[in-house]
Amino acid sequence: MPDAPTALAQRLEAQRTAFAAEPYPAWEVRADRLRRLQKLLTAHEPEIAQAIDADFGGRPRFETDLAEVWPSLEEVKVALREGRGWMKPQRAPVAKWFLPAGAQVLPQPLGVVGIIVPWNYPLFLAVAPMAAAIAAGNRVLVKMSEYTPRFSALFATLCAKAFKADEVDVVTGDAQVAAQFAALPFDHLLFTGSTSVGRKVMAAAAANLTPVTLELGGKSPTVVAPGYPLAKAVERILVGKLINAGQTCIAPDYVLLPRGEVDAFVEAARACSRRLYPQGLADVHYCSVVDARQYRRLTAALDDALARGARAEPLFAGVQRDDAGHRLAPQLVFDVPPDNALATDEIFGPLLPVLPYDRVDDAIAHVNAGPRPLALYWFDDDRQRTQRALERTHAGGVTVNDTLLHVAQYELPFGGVGHSGMGHYHGRWGFETFSKLKPVVWQAKVNAMSLFLPPYRPLAHKMLKLMKRS
């Protein structure tokens, strides 16, 4: 049996060979593959939800349907509805000096696309880039997360039944397999995960000059401006924070709040949390932390902060931790030491630091002092102040007066900036990411290019002077 690197290389080569035999699939071929992906999702929803629930040790079925199954189906539906138009060559203008030549942009499949999937939304973050890559005419090789082993195995089995291995092939395995996967000479590689691992993926891809799309994360800030209705802000922040128990790359990571509203914010957050999850930590609608490893990371960061003077305000009544079930109740955390993990790292859990500010400019300065985040949430009824904030801050995406919603808009590009990633996808943006937008010029039968051939005659010099002055 070949060792893992050889086996992976062989799987890639099988797809390369198949792509070489069909380098520009007709729309009917691409649509057939998309429909098979669609059928895979609709025919196996219960098994998919059960596998993800088992991997998490308790994830509400509704959250899986809302945050994974539905958006995955939407990505496929959008590609099926719009893909034929996306792949048509687009006419482009020609500089007047080259008329009557013509020009166009031809979207051409890249070849074989690699996709590395994280554990937090293992279905959607596999299917969304897959749909875009398939619509663009590519073959796809997917590496699933080892931290969702049941779903990863199920998805590999379902894809093996729905696709030939030279169309879509799904790889499972540990971090060593992921490193070997990233080192393969793909035509494009998309990675979703942490910034630290993203650096390693980019370094591995650089050896092959493989272009990468990195969907990372970071500390996505939420700013509540003075005068914004606090109860409304609290509900929308907590919904965005507590879905999937905060294990969302665009979850609000911390809140910047006017200093005089801290006590009211705590009171409103506690009331809202208990209304959303009346059974507290035991509520069936509240998700578990995915595994003991992530649970220990979160509780260690919280315990260190508390031991060094931070203050926590529990939002649930009763039990706050279930070590055996790796379930952690949400808490607001104040006065976090600046070198504590809750202040320096993406939290990826139900802990929410709150930082009071005195002036809006102070809040903006705090956002700009850190690495550029994947998301920014701004709560404000003042349109001019909001516009200034949008112009003065950088983020991969923004939702104003709510959270998370920008990720569900398929006419918008989704991606990071700086430490939160590079490149983007969703809808047409994904199609273009996985295509070479090839410029093509069609020379006319009758043209003036012969005037510029050597030896350069006086007319050529006159023409060039005219071109330079115009």
Protein backbone atom coordinates (compact mmCIF):
# COMPACT_ATOMS: atom_id res chain seq x y z
CA MET A 1 0.00 0.00 0.00
CA PRO A 2 1.47 3.40 -0.94
CA ASP A 3 2.31 5.84 1.83
CA ALA A 4 0.02 8.80 2.40
CA PRO A 5 1.91 11.42 0.34
CA THR A 6 2.08 9.05 -2.64
CA ALA A 7 -1.59 8.14 -2.31
CA LEU A 8 -2.61 11.81 -2.19
CA ALA A 9 -0.43 12.62 -5.20
CA GLN A 10 -2.05 9.77 -7.11
CA ARG A 11 -5.53 11.06 -6.29
CA LEU A 12 -4.54 14.51 -7.50
CA GLU A 13 -2.99 13.09 -10.66
CA ALA A 14 -6.17 11.15 -11.45
CA GLN A 15 -8.10 14.42 -11.35
CA ARG A 16 -5.47 16.22 -13.42
CA THR A 17 -5.70 13.53 -16.08
CA ALA A 18 -9.49 13.75 -16.16
CA PHE A 19 -9.36 17.54 -16.39
CA ALA A 20 -6.88 17.39 -19.28
CA ALA A 21 -9.36 15.21 -21.18
CA GLU A 22 -12.16 17.75 -20.56
CA PRO A 23 -10.56 21.16 -19.93
CA TYR A 24 -13.68 23.22 -20.59
CA PRO A 25 -16.77 21.26 -19.48
CA ALA A 26 -20.06 22.28 -21.06
CA TRP A 27 -22.64 23.84 -18.76
CA GLU A 28 -24.71 20.64 -18.89
CA VAL A 29 -21.78 18.71 -17.40
CA ARG A 30 -21.25 21.25 -14.62
CA ALA A 31 -24.98 21.44 -13.88
CA ASP A 32 -25.19 17.65 -13.62
CA ARG A 33 -22.44 17.65 -10.99
CA LEU A 34 -24.16 20.46 -9.08
CA ARG A 35 -27.46 18.57 -9.13
CA ARG A 36 -25.75 15.49 -7.75
CA LEU A 37 -24.34 17.61 -4.94
CA GLN A 38 -27.82 19.04 -4.35
CA LYS A 39 -29.34 15.55 -4.22
CA LEU A 40 -26.65 14.40 -1.80
CA LEU A 41 -27.71 17.17 0.58
CA THR A 42 -31.46 16.75 0.31
CA ALA A 43 -31.45 12.95 0.43
CA HIS A 44 -29.23 12.70 3.50
CA GLU A 45 -30.20 15.60 5.77
CA PRO A 46 -31.03 13.40 8.77
CA GLU A 47 -27.75 11.46 8.62
CA ILE A 48 -25.77 14.66 8.17
CA ALA A 49 -27.40 16.31 11.18
CA GLN A 50 -26.98 13.19 13.31
CA ALA A 51 -23.30 12.89 12.47
CA ILE A 52 -22.59 16.54 13.28
CA ASP A 53 -24.61 16.27 16.50
CA ALA A 54 -22.57 13.24 17.52
CA ASP A 55 -19.27 14.97 16.73
CA PHE A 56 -20.21 17.99 18.84
CA GLY A 57 -21.67 15.94 21.65
CA GLY A 58 -24.87 17.95 21.24
CA ARG A 59 -25.71 20.43 18.52
CA PRO A 60 -29.33 21.50 17.91
CA ARG A 61 -30.75 20.09 14.70
CA PHE A 62 -32.27 23.48 13.88
CA GLU A 63 -28.85 25.17 14.01
CA THR A 64 -27.41 22.58 11.64
CA ASP A 65 -30.33 23.09 9.26
CA LEU A 66 -30.17 26.89 9.51
CA ALA A 67 -26.42 27.44 9.45
CA GLU A 68 -25.25 24.49 7.34
CA VAL A 69 -27.88 22.68 5.28
CA TRP A 70 -29.87 25.70 4.10
CA PRO A 71 -26.89 27.89 3.10
CA SER A 72 -25.26 24.90 1.39
CA LEU A 73 -28.40 24.36 -0.66
CA GLU A 74 -28.53 28.08 -1.43
CA GLU A 75 -24.97 28.04 -2.78
CA VAL A 76 -25.84 25.15 -5.09
CA LYS A 77 -29.15 26.74 -6.17
CA VAL A 78 -27.48 30.06 -6.99
CA ALA A 79 -24.79 28.27 -9.02
CA LEU A 80 -27.41 26.26 -10.91
CA ARG A 81 -29.50 29.34 -11.60
CA GLU A 82 -26.68 31.69 -12.58
CA GLY A 83 -23.77 29.50 -13.64
CA ARG A 84 -24.57 29.33 -17.35
CA GLY A 85 -24.42 33.12 -17.49
CA TRP A 86 -21.26 33.31 -15.38
CA MET A 87 -19.34 31.11 -17.81
CA LYS A 88 -20.21 33.13 -20.92
CA PRO A 89 -17.37 35.22 -22.36
CA GLN A 90 -17.84 38.88 -21.49
CA ARG A 91 -17.24 41.49 -24.16
CA ALA A 92 -14.66 44.12 -23.26
CA PRO A 93 -13.87 47.47 -24.89
CA VAL A 94 -10.79 47.90 -27.05
CA ALA A 95 -8.62 51.02 -26.93
CA LYS A 96 -9.55 53.24 -29.86
CA TRP A 97 -6.10 52.90 -31.46
CA PHE A 98 -6.64 49.17 -31.91
CA LEU A 99 -10.08 49.28 -33.51
CA PRO A 100 -11.65 47.43 -35.24
CA ALA A 101 -10.17 44.63 -33.10
CA GLY A 102 -12.45 43.02 -30.51
CA ALA A 103 -11.84 41.83 -26.94
CA GLN A 104 -13.44 39.57 -24.38
CA VAL A 105 -12.82 38.01 -20.99
CA LEU A 106 -13.12 34.22 -21.06
CA PRO A 107 -13.72 32.51 -17.67
CA GLN A 108 -11.63 29.36 -17.89
CA PRO A 109 -11.54 26.50 -15.36
CA LEU A 110 -8.28 26.39 -13.43
CA GLY A 111 -8.01 22.61 -13.19
CA VAL A 112 -7.96 20.92 -9.79
CA VAL A 113 -9.06 22.90 -6.71
CA GLY A 114 -8.06 21.84 -3.20
CA ILE A 115 -10.34 22.66 -0.26
CA ILE A 116 -9.36 22.27 3.41
CA VAL A 117 -12.44 22.21 5.65
CA PRO A 118 -12.56 23.20 9.36
CA TRP A 119 -14.59 21.54 12.11
CA ASN A 120 -16.96 24.32 13.17
CA TYR A 121 -19.28 24.22 10.12
CA PRO A 122 -18.02 21.10 8.38
CA LEU A 123 -20.85 20.78 5.86
CA PHE A 124 -21.27 24.38 4.71
CA LEU A 125 -17.56 25.15 4.60
CA ALA A 126 -17.08 22.11 2.37
CA VAL A 127 -20.09 22.56 0.09
CA ALA A 128 -19.94 26.34 -0.50
CA PRO A 129 -16.48 26.34 -2.12
CA MET A 130 -17.21 22.99 -3.79
CA ALA A 131 -20.28 24.45 -5.52
CA ALA A 132 -18.30 27.43 -6.80
CA ALA A 133 -15.41 25.29 -8.00
CA ILE A 134 -17.74 22.84 -9.78
CA ALA A 135 -19.71 25.65 -11.41
CA ALA A 136 -16.41 27.03 -12.70
CA GLY A 137 -15.66 23.67 -14.35
CA ASN A 138 -12.97 22.35 -12.00
CA ARG A 139 -12.25 19.00 -10.39
CA VAL A 140 -12.24 19.13 -6.60
CA LEU A 141 -10.17 17.41 -3.92
CA VAL A 142 -11.43 18.02 -0.37
CA LYS A 143 -9.68 17.48 2.98
CA MET A 144 -12.15 17.13 5.86
CA SER A 145 -11.41 17.91 9.51
CA GLU A 146 -10.19 15.19 11.84
CA TYR A 147 -12.10 16.90 14.68
CA THR A 148 -15.49 15.95 13.19
CA PRO A 149 -14.67 12.32 12.41
CA ARG A 150 -18.23 10.99 12.08
CA PHE A 151 -19.36 13.66 9.66
CA SER A 152 -16.08 13.58 7.74
CA ALA A 153 -16.41 9.83 7.18
CA LEU A 154 -20.06 10.19 6.21
CA PHE A 155 -19.37 12.99 3.74
CA ALA A 156 -16.54 11.02 2.15
CA THR A 157 -18.87 8.04 1.71
CA LEU A 158 -21.70 10.15 0.27
CA CYS A 159 -19.40 11.92 -2.19
CA ALA A 160 -17.89 8.61 -3.29
CA LYS A 161 -21.39 7.44 -4.21
CA ALA A 162 -22.40 10.68 -5.93
CA PHE A 163 -19.22 11.40 -7.88
CA LYS A 164 -16.44 9.65 -9.67
CA ALA A 165 -13.15 10.11 -7.84
CA ASP A 166 -11.78 12.14 -10.74
CA GLU A 167 -14.68 14.62 -10.34
CA VAL A 168 -14.87 15.10 -6.56
CA ASP A 169 -12.70 13.21 -4.10
CA VAL A 170 -12.86 13.57 -0.31
CA VAL A 171 -9.84 12.91 1.93
CA THR A 172 -9.95 12.23 5.65
CA GLY A 173 -7.05 12.01 8.10
CA ASP A 174 -5.12 13.84 10.78
CA ALA A 175 -3.02 17.02 10.79
CA GLN A 176 -0.14 15.23 9.08
CA VAL A 177 -2.43 14.35 6.18
CA ALA A 178 -3.63 17.97 6.08
CA ALA A 179 -0.01 19.20 5.84
CA GLN A 180 0.67 16.77 3.00
CA PHE A 181 -2.55 17.88 1.32
CA ALA A 182 -1.56 21.56 1.49
CA ALA A 183 1.78 20.75 -0.12
CA LEU A 184 0.18 19.28 -3.26
CA PRO A 185 0.51 21.31 -6.49
CA PHE A 186 -3.13 22.36 -6.84
CA ASP A 187 -4.27 24.95 -9.34
CA HIS A 188 -5.95 26.76 -6.43
CA LEU A 189 -6.16 25.99 -2.71
CA LEU A 190 -8.84 27.27 -0.34
CA PHE A 191 -8.28 26.94 3.40
CA THR A 192 -10.73 27.85 6.16
CA GLY A 193 -9.36 27.84 9.69
CA SER A 194 -7.15 29.67 12.15
CA THR A 195 -4.63 32.35 11.28
CA SER A 196 -1.76 30.31 12.72
CA VAL A 197 -2.54 27.27 10.56
CA GLY A 198 -3.27 29.56 7.61
CA ARG A 199 0.36 30.73 7.71
CA LYS A 200 1.53 27.11 7.41
CA VAL A 201 -0.87 26.40 4.56
CA MET A 202 0.30 29.46 2.67
CA ALA A 203 3.95 28.52 3.18
CA ALA A 204 3.30 24.99 1.89
CA ALA A 205 1.41 26.32 -1.13
CA ALA A 206 4.17 28.81 -1.91
CA ALA A 207 6.57 25.98 -2.75
CA ASN A 208 4.35 25.19 -5.76
CA LEU A 209 3.30 28.81 -6.42
CA THR A 210 -0.24 27.60 -5.74
CA PRO A 211 -2.63 30.55 -5.43
CA VAL A 212 -4.51 30.47 -2.14
CA THR A 213 -7.74 31.76 -0.69
CA LEU A 214 -7.43 31.94 3.09
CA GLU A 215 -10.62 32.28 5.12
CA LEU A 216 -9.29 32.85 8.61
CA GLY A 217 -10.82 34.65 11.56
CA GLY A 218 -9.55 36.95 14.24
CA LYS A 219 -11.13 39.12 16.85
CA SER A 220 -14.27 40.49 15.21
CA PRO A 221 -15.36 43.58 17.16
CA THR A 222 -18.84 44.80 17.95
CA VAL A 223 -19.31 48.50 18.62
CA VAL A 224 -22.47 49.83 20.25
CA ALA A 225 -22.66 53.56 19.57
CA PRO A 226 -24.10 56.02 22.10
CA GLY A 227 -27.87 56.22 21.97
CA TYR A 228 -28.51 52.93 20.19
CA PRO A 229 -31.37 50.95 21.85
CA LEU A 230 -29.52 48.63 24.19
CA ALA A 231 -32.07 45.81 24.36
CA LYS A 232 -32.13 45.55 20.57
CA ALA A 233 -28.32 45.51 20.36
CA VAL A 234 -28.00 42.91 23.12
CA GLU A 235 -30.40 40.46 21.49
CA ARG A 236 -28.73 40.69 18.09
CA ILE A 237 -25.25 40.41 19.56
CA LEU A 238 -26.12 37.37 21.66
CA VAL A 239 -27.87 35.59 18.80
CA GLY A 240 -24.73 36.03 16.71
CA LYS A 241 -22.48 35.02 19.58
CA LEU A 242 -24.33 32.02 20.93
CA ILE A 243 -25.34 30.16 17.77
CA ASN A 244 -23.04 27.12 17.66
CA ALA A 245 -21.88 28.20 21.15
CA GLY A 246 -19.75 30.94 19.62
CA GLN A 247 -17.80 28.53 17.41
CA THR A 248 -18.26 30.72 14.36
CA CYS A 249 -15.46 32.52 12.52
CA ILE A 250 -17.55 35.70 12.23
CA ALA A 251 -19.04 35.57 15.74
CA PRO A 252 -18.79 38.79 17.75
CA ASP A 253 -15.51 38.36 19.61
CA TYR A 254 -15.76 41.34 21.96
CA VAL A 255 -18.02 44.35 22.57
CA LEU A 256 -17.03 48.00 22.78
CA LEU A 257 -19.69 49.76 24.84
CA PRO A 258 -20.25 53.32 26.13
CA ARG A 259 -18.92 53.36 29.67
CA GLY A 260 -22.16 54.48 31.27
CA GLU A 261 -24.14 51.57 29.81
CA VAL A 262 -22.19 48.65 31.27
CA ASP A 263 -24.62 47.75 34.07
CA ALA A 264 -27.63 48.02 31.77
CA PHE A 265 -25.87 45.86 29.19
CA VAL A 266 -25.21 43.11 31.75
CA GLU A 267 -28.81 43.17 32.94
CA ALA A 268 -30.19 43.08 29.39
CA ALA A 269 -27.78 40.32 28.35
CA ARG A 270 -28.74 38.15 31.31
CA ALA A 271 -32.46 38.59 30.63
CA CYS A 272 -32.04 37.93 26.92
CA SER A 273 -29.91 34.79 27.41
CA ARG A 274 -32.42 33.29 29.82
CA ARG A 275 -35.25 34.05 27.41
CA LEU A 276 -33.39 32.41 24.51
CA TYR A 277 -32.25 29.41 26.56
CA PRO A 278 -34.66 29.03 29.50
CA GLN A 279 -33.16 25.69 30.59
CA GLY A 280 -29.67 27.19 30.82
CA LEU A 281 -26.76 24.87 30.19
CA ALA A 282 -29.11 21.90 29.80
CA ASP A 283 -31.22 23.60 27.14
CA VAL A 284 -31.55 21.39 24.06
CA HIS A 285 -31.25 24.46 21.84
CA TYR A 286 -27.80 25.33 23.21
CA CYS A 287 -24.78 23.80 21.48
CA SER A 288 -21.86 22.03 23.14
CA VAL A 289 -18.23 22.99 22.66
CA VAL A 290 -17.04 20.59 19.99
CA ASP A 291 -14.64 18.51 22.10
CA ALA A 292 -12.67 18.34 25.33
CA ARG A 293 -9.62 19.96 23.73
CA GLN A 294 -11.51 23.15 22.79
CA TYR A 295 -13.38 23.11 26.11
CA ARG A 296 -10.11 23.01 28.08
CA ARG A 297 -8.72 25.86 25.97
CA LEU A 298 -11.71 28.07 26.78
CA THR A 299 -11.94 27.26 30.49
CA ALA A 300 -8.18 27.69 30.94
CA ALA A 301 -8.31 31.15 29.36
CA LEU A 302 -11.27 32.16 31.53
CA ASP A 303 -9.73 30.80 34.74
CA ASP A 304 -6.44 32.59 34.01
CA ALA A 305 -8.27 35.88 33.40
CA LEU A 306 -10.28 35.54 36.63
CA ALA A 307 -7.20 34.65 38.65
CA ARG A 308 -5.56 37.86 37.43
CA GLY A 309 -8.37 40.25 38.30
CA ALA A 310 -10.96 39.91 35.55
CA ARG A 311 -14.65 39.85 36.44
CA ALA A 312 -17.16 37.46 34.85
CA GLU A 313 -20.92 37.95 34.70
CA PRO A 314 -22.66 34.60 34.04
CA LEU A 315 -25.67 34.88 31.74
CA PHE A 316 -27.33 31.57 32.63
CA ALA A 317 -28.67 30.70 36.05
CA GLY A 318 -27.42 27.58 37.78
CA VAL A 319 -24.65 25.32 36.47
CA GLN A 320 -22.00 27.10 34.39
CA ARG A 321 -19.86 24.16 33.26
CA ASP A 322 -20.31 20.53 32.33
CA ASP A 323 -16.83 19.07 32.02
CA ALA A 324 -17.97 15.62 30.93
CA GLY A 325 -20.23 17.01 28.18
CA HIS A 326 -17.85 19.89 27.36
CA ARG A 327 -20.67 22.41 27.70
CA LEU A 328 -19.87 25.96 28.77
CA ALA A 329 -22.42 28.64 29.71
CA PRO A 330 -22.05 32.13 28.22
CA GLN A 331 -20.33 34.78 30.30
CA LEU A 332 -19.51 38.43 29.87
CA VAL A 333 -15.94 39.12 30.95
CA PHE A 334 -14.62 42.50 32.10
CA ASP A 335 -11.08 43.76 32.78
CA VAL A 336 -9.38 40.96 30.84
CA PRO A 337 -5.57 41.19 31.19
CA PRO A 338 -4.12 42.36 27.86
CA ASP A 339 -1.91 39.28 27.50
CA ASN A 340 -4.67 36.78 28.34
CA ALA A 341 -5.90 34.55 25.51
CA LEU A 342 -9.37 36.12 25.66
CA ALA A 343 -7.76 39.44 24.73
CA THR A 344 -5.18 38.21 22.22
CA ASP A 345 -6.74 35.20 20.44
CA GLU A 346 -9.95 34.51 18.58
CA ILE A 347 -12.20 33.16 21.33
CA PHE A 348 -14.33 30.71 19.32
CA GLY A 349 -16.63 30.02 22.23
CA PRO A 350 -19.42 31.55 24.39
CA LEU A 351 -17.21 33.99 26.32
CA LEU A 352 -17.68 37.67 25.46
CA PRO A 353 -15.28 40.34 26.75
CA VAL A 354 -16.83 43.80 27.18
CA LEU A 355 -14.64 46.89 26.91
CA PRO A 356 -16.12 50.24 27.98
CA TYR A 357 -15.11 53.33 25.99
CA ASP A 358 -15.49 57.07 26.55
CA ARG A 359 -15.62 58.39 22.97
CA VAL A 360 -16.54 56.76 19.67
CA ASP A 361 -13.12 57.73 18.35
CA ASP A 362 -11.61 55.66 21.17
CA ALA A 363 -13.60 52.62 20.04
CA ILE A 364 -12.47 53.07 16.44
CA ALA A 365 -8.87 53.48 17.58
CA HIS A 366 -9.11 50.22 19.53
CA VAL A 367 -10.41 48.36 16.46
CA ASN A 368 -7.63 49.80 14.31
CA ALA A 369 -4.94 48.97 16.86
CA GLY A 370 -5.40 45.23 16.32
CA PRO A 371 -5.07 42.99 13.27
CA ARG A 372 -7.81 43.51 10.69
CA PRO A 373 -10.77 41.28 11.61
CA LEU A 374 -12.97 39.04 9.50
CA ALA A 375 -16.12 40.89 10.58
CA LEU A 376 -17.14 44.19 12.17
CA TYR A 377 -20.54 44.84 13.74
CA TRP A 378 -21.62 48.43 14.22
CA PHE A 379 -24.82 49.34 16.08
CA ASP A 380 -25.80 52.94 15.42
CA ASP A 381 -28.80 54.94 14.16
CA ASP A 382 -26.58 57.86 13.13
CA ARG A 383 -25.92 57.29 9.39
CA GLN A 384 -23.12 59.84 9.12
CA ARG A 385 -21.26 58.44 12.12
CA THR A 386 -21.71 54.93 10.78
CA GLN A 387 -20.35 55.94 7.39
CA ARG A 388 -17.30 57.50 9.04
CA ALA A 389 -16.70 54.29 10.96
CA LEU A 390 -16.95 52.23 7.76
CA GLU A 391 -14.42 54.48 6.06
CA ARG A 392 -11.99 54.53 8.99
CA THR A 393 -11.89 50.79 9.79
CA HIS A 394 -10.96 47.65 7.86
CA ALA A 395 -12.76 44.32 8.11
CA GLY A 396 -13.50 41.39 5.84
CA GLY A 397 -17.20 42.21 6.01
CA VAL A 398 -19.62 44.36 7.98
CA THR A 399 -23.17 44.07 9.23
CA VAL A 400 -24.70 47.28 10.57
CA ASN A 401 -27.29 46.95 13.37
CA ASP A 402 -27.14 43.16 13.41
CA THR A 403 -24.63 40.32 13.31
CA LEU A 404 -23.66 37.54 10.86
CA LEU A 405 -26.06 38.60 8.10
CA HIS A 406 -23.46 39.63 5.53
CA VAL A 407 -22.23 36.04 5.21
CA ALA A 408 -25.63 34.95 3.87
CA GLN A 409 -25.74 37.46 1.01
CA TYR A 410 -24.66 35.61 -2.11
CA GLU A 411 -24.32 38.77 -4.17
CA LEU A 412 -21.59 39.95 -1.76
CA PRO A 413 -18.02 38.63 -1.64
CA PHE A 414 -17.12 36.81 1.58
CA GLY A 415 -13.53 36.89 2.73
CA GLY A 416 -10.99 38.42 5.07
CA VAL A 417 -8.38 41.14 4.95
CA GLY A 418 -4.90 41.10 6.43
CA HIS A 419 -4.62 38.59 9.27
CA SER A 420 -8.22 37.48 8.72
CA GLY A 421 -7.51 36.13 5.27
CA MET A 422 -7.21 36.86 1.58
CA GLY A 423 -9.43 36.27 -1.41
CA HIS A 424 -13.17 35.72 -1.38
CA TYR A 425 -15.99 33.51 -2.59
CA HIS A 426 -19.79 32.94 -2.51
CA GLY A 427 -21.96 33.20 -5.60
CA ARG A 428 -20.30 34.70 -8.64
CA TRP A 429 -17.35 35.77 -6.51
CA GLY A 430 -16.54 32.11 -5.88
CA PHE A 431 -16.94 31.25 -9.56
CA GLU A 432 -14.41 33.95 -10.44
CA THR A 433 -12.01 32.87 -7.67
CA PHE A 434 -11.86 29.38 -9.18
CA SER A 435 -11.59 30.62 -12.77
CA LYS A 436 -8.86 32.24 -14.81
CA LEU A 437 -10.49 35.34 -16.26
CA LYS A 438 -8.52 35.09 -19.46
CA PRO A 439 -8.27 38.20 -21.65
CA VAL A 440 -8.62 37.53 -25.36
CA VAL A 441 -8.09 39.99 -28.23
CA TRP A 442 -9.51 39.23 -31.68
CA GLN A 443 -7.55 41.02 -34.37
CA ALA A 444 -9.54 42.31 -37.33
CA LYS A 445 -8.73 41.29 -40.90
CA VAL A 446 -8.10 44.91 -41.76
CA ASN A 447 -6.01 46.79 -39.17
CA ALA A 448 -3.32 49.43 -38.88
CA MET A 449 -0.63 47.45 -37.05
CA SER A 450 1.53 47.25 -40.16
CA LEU A 451 2.17 51.00 -39.79
CA PHE A 452 4.22 50.30 -36.67
CA LEU A 453 6.55 47.65 -38.08
CA PRO A 454 10.26 48.42 -38.49
CA PRO A 455 11.87 50.13 -40.19
CA TYR A 456 9.93 52.91 -38.46
CA ARG A 457 8.81 55.41 -41.07
CA PRO A 458 7.82 59.09 -40.59
CA LEU A 459 4.13 58.18 -40.50
CA ALA A 460 4.78 55.85 -37.54
CA HIS A 461 6.51 58.66 -35.64
CA LYS A 462 3.64 61.03 -36.37
CA MET A 463 1.10 58.47 -35.24
CA LEU A 464 2.98 57.81 -31.99
CA LYS A 465 3.14 61.56 -31.21
CA LEU A 466 -0.59 61.81 -31.81
CA MET A 467 -1.23 58.81 -29.53
CA LYS A 468 0.87 60.32 -26.76
CA ARG A 469 -0.93 63.67 -26.94
CA SER A 470 -4.46 62.32 -27.07
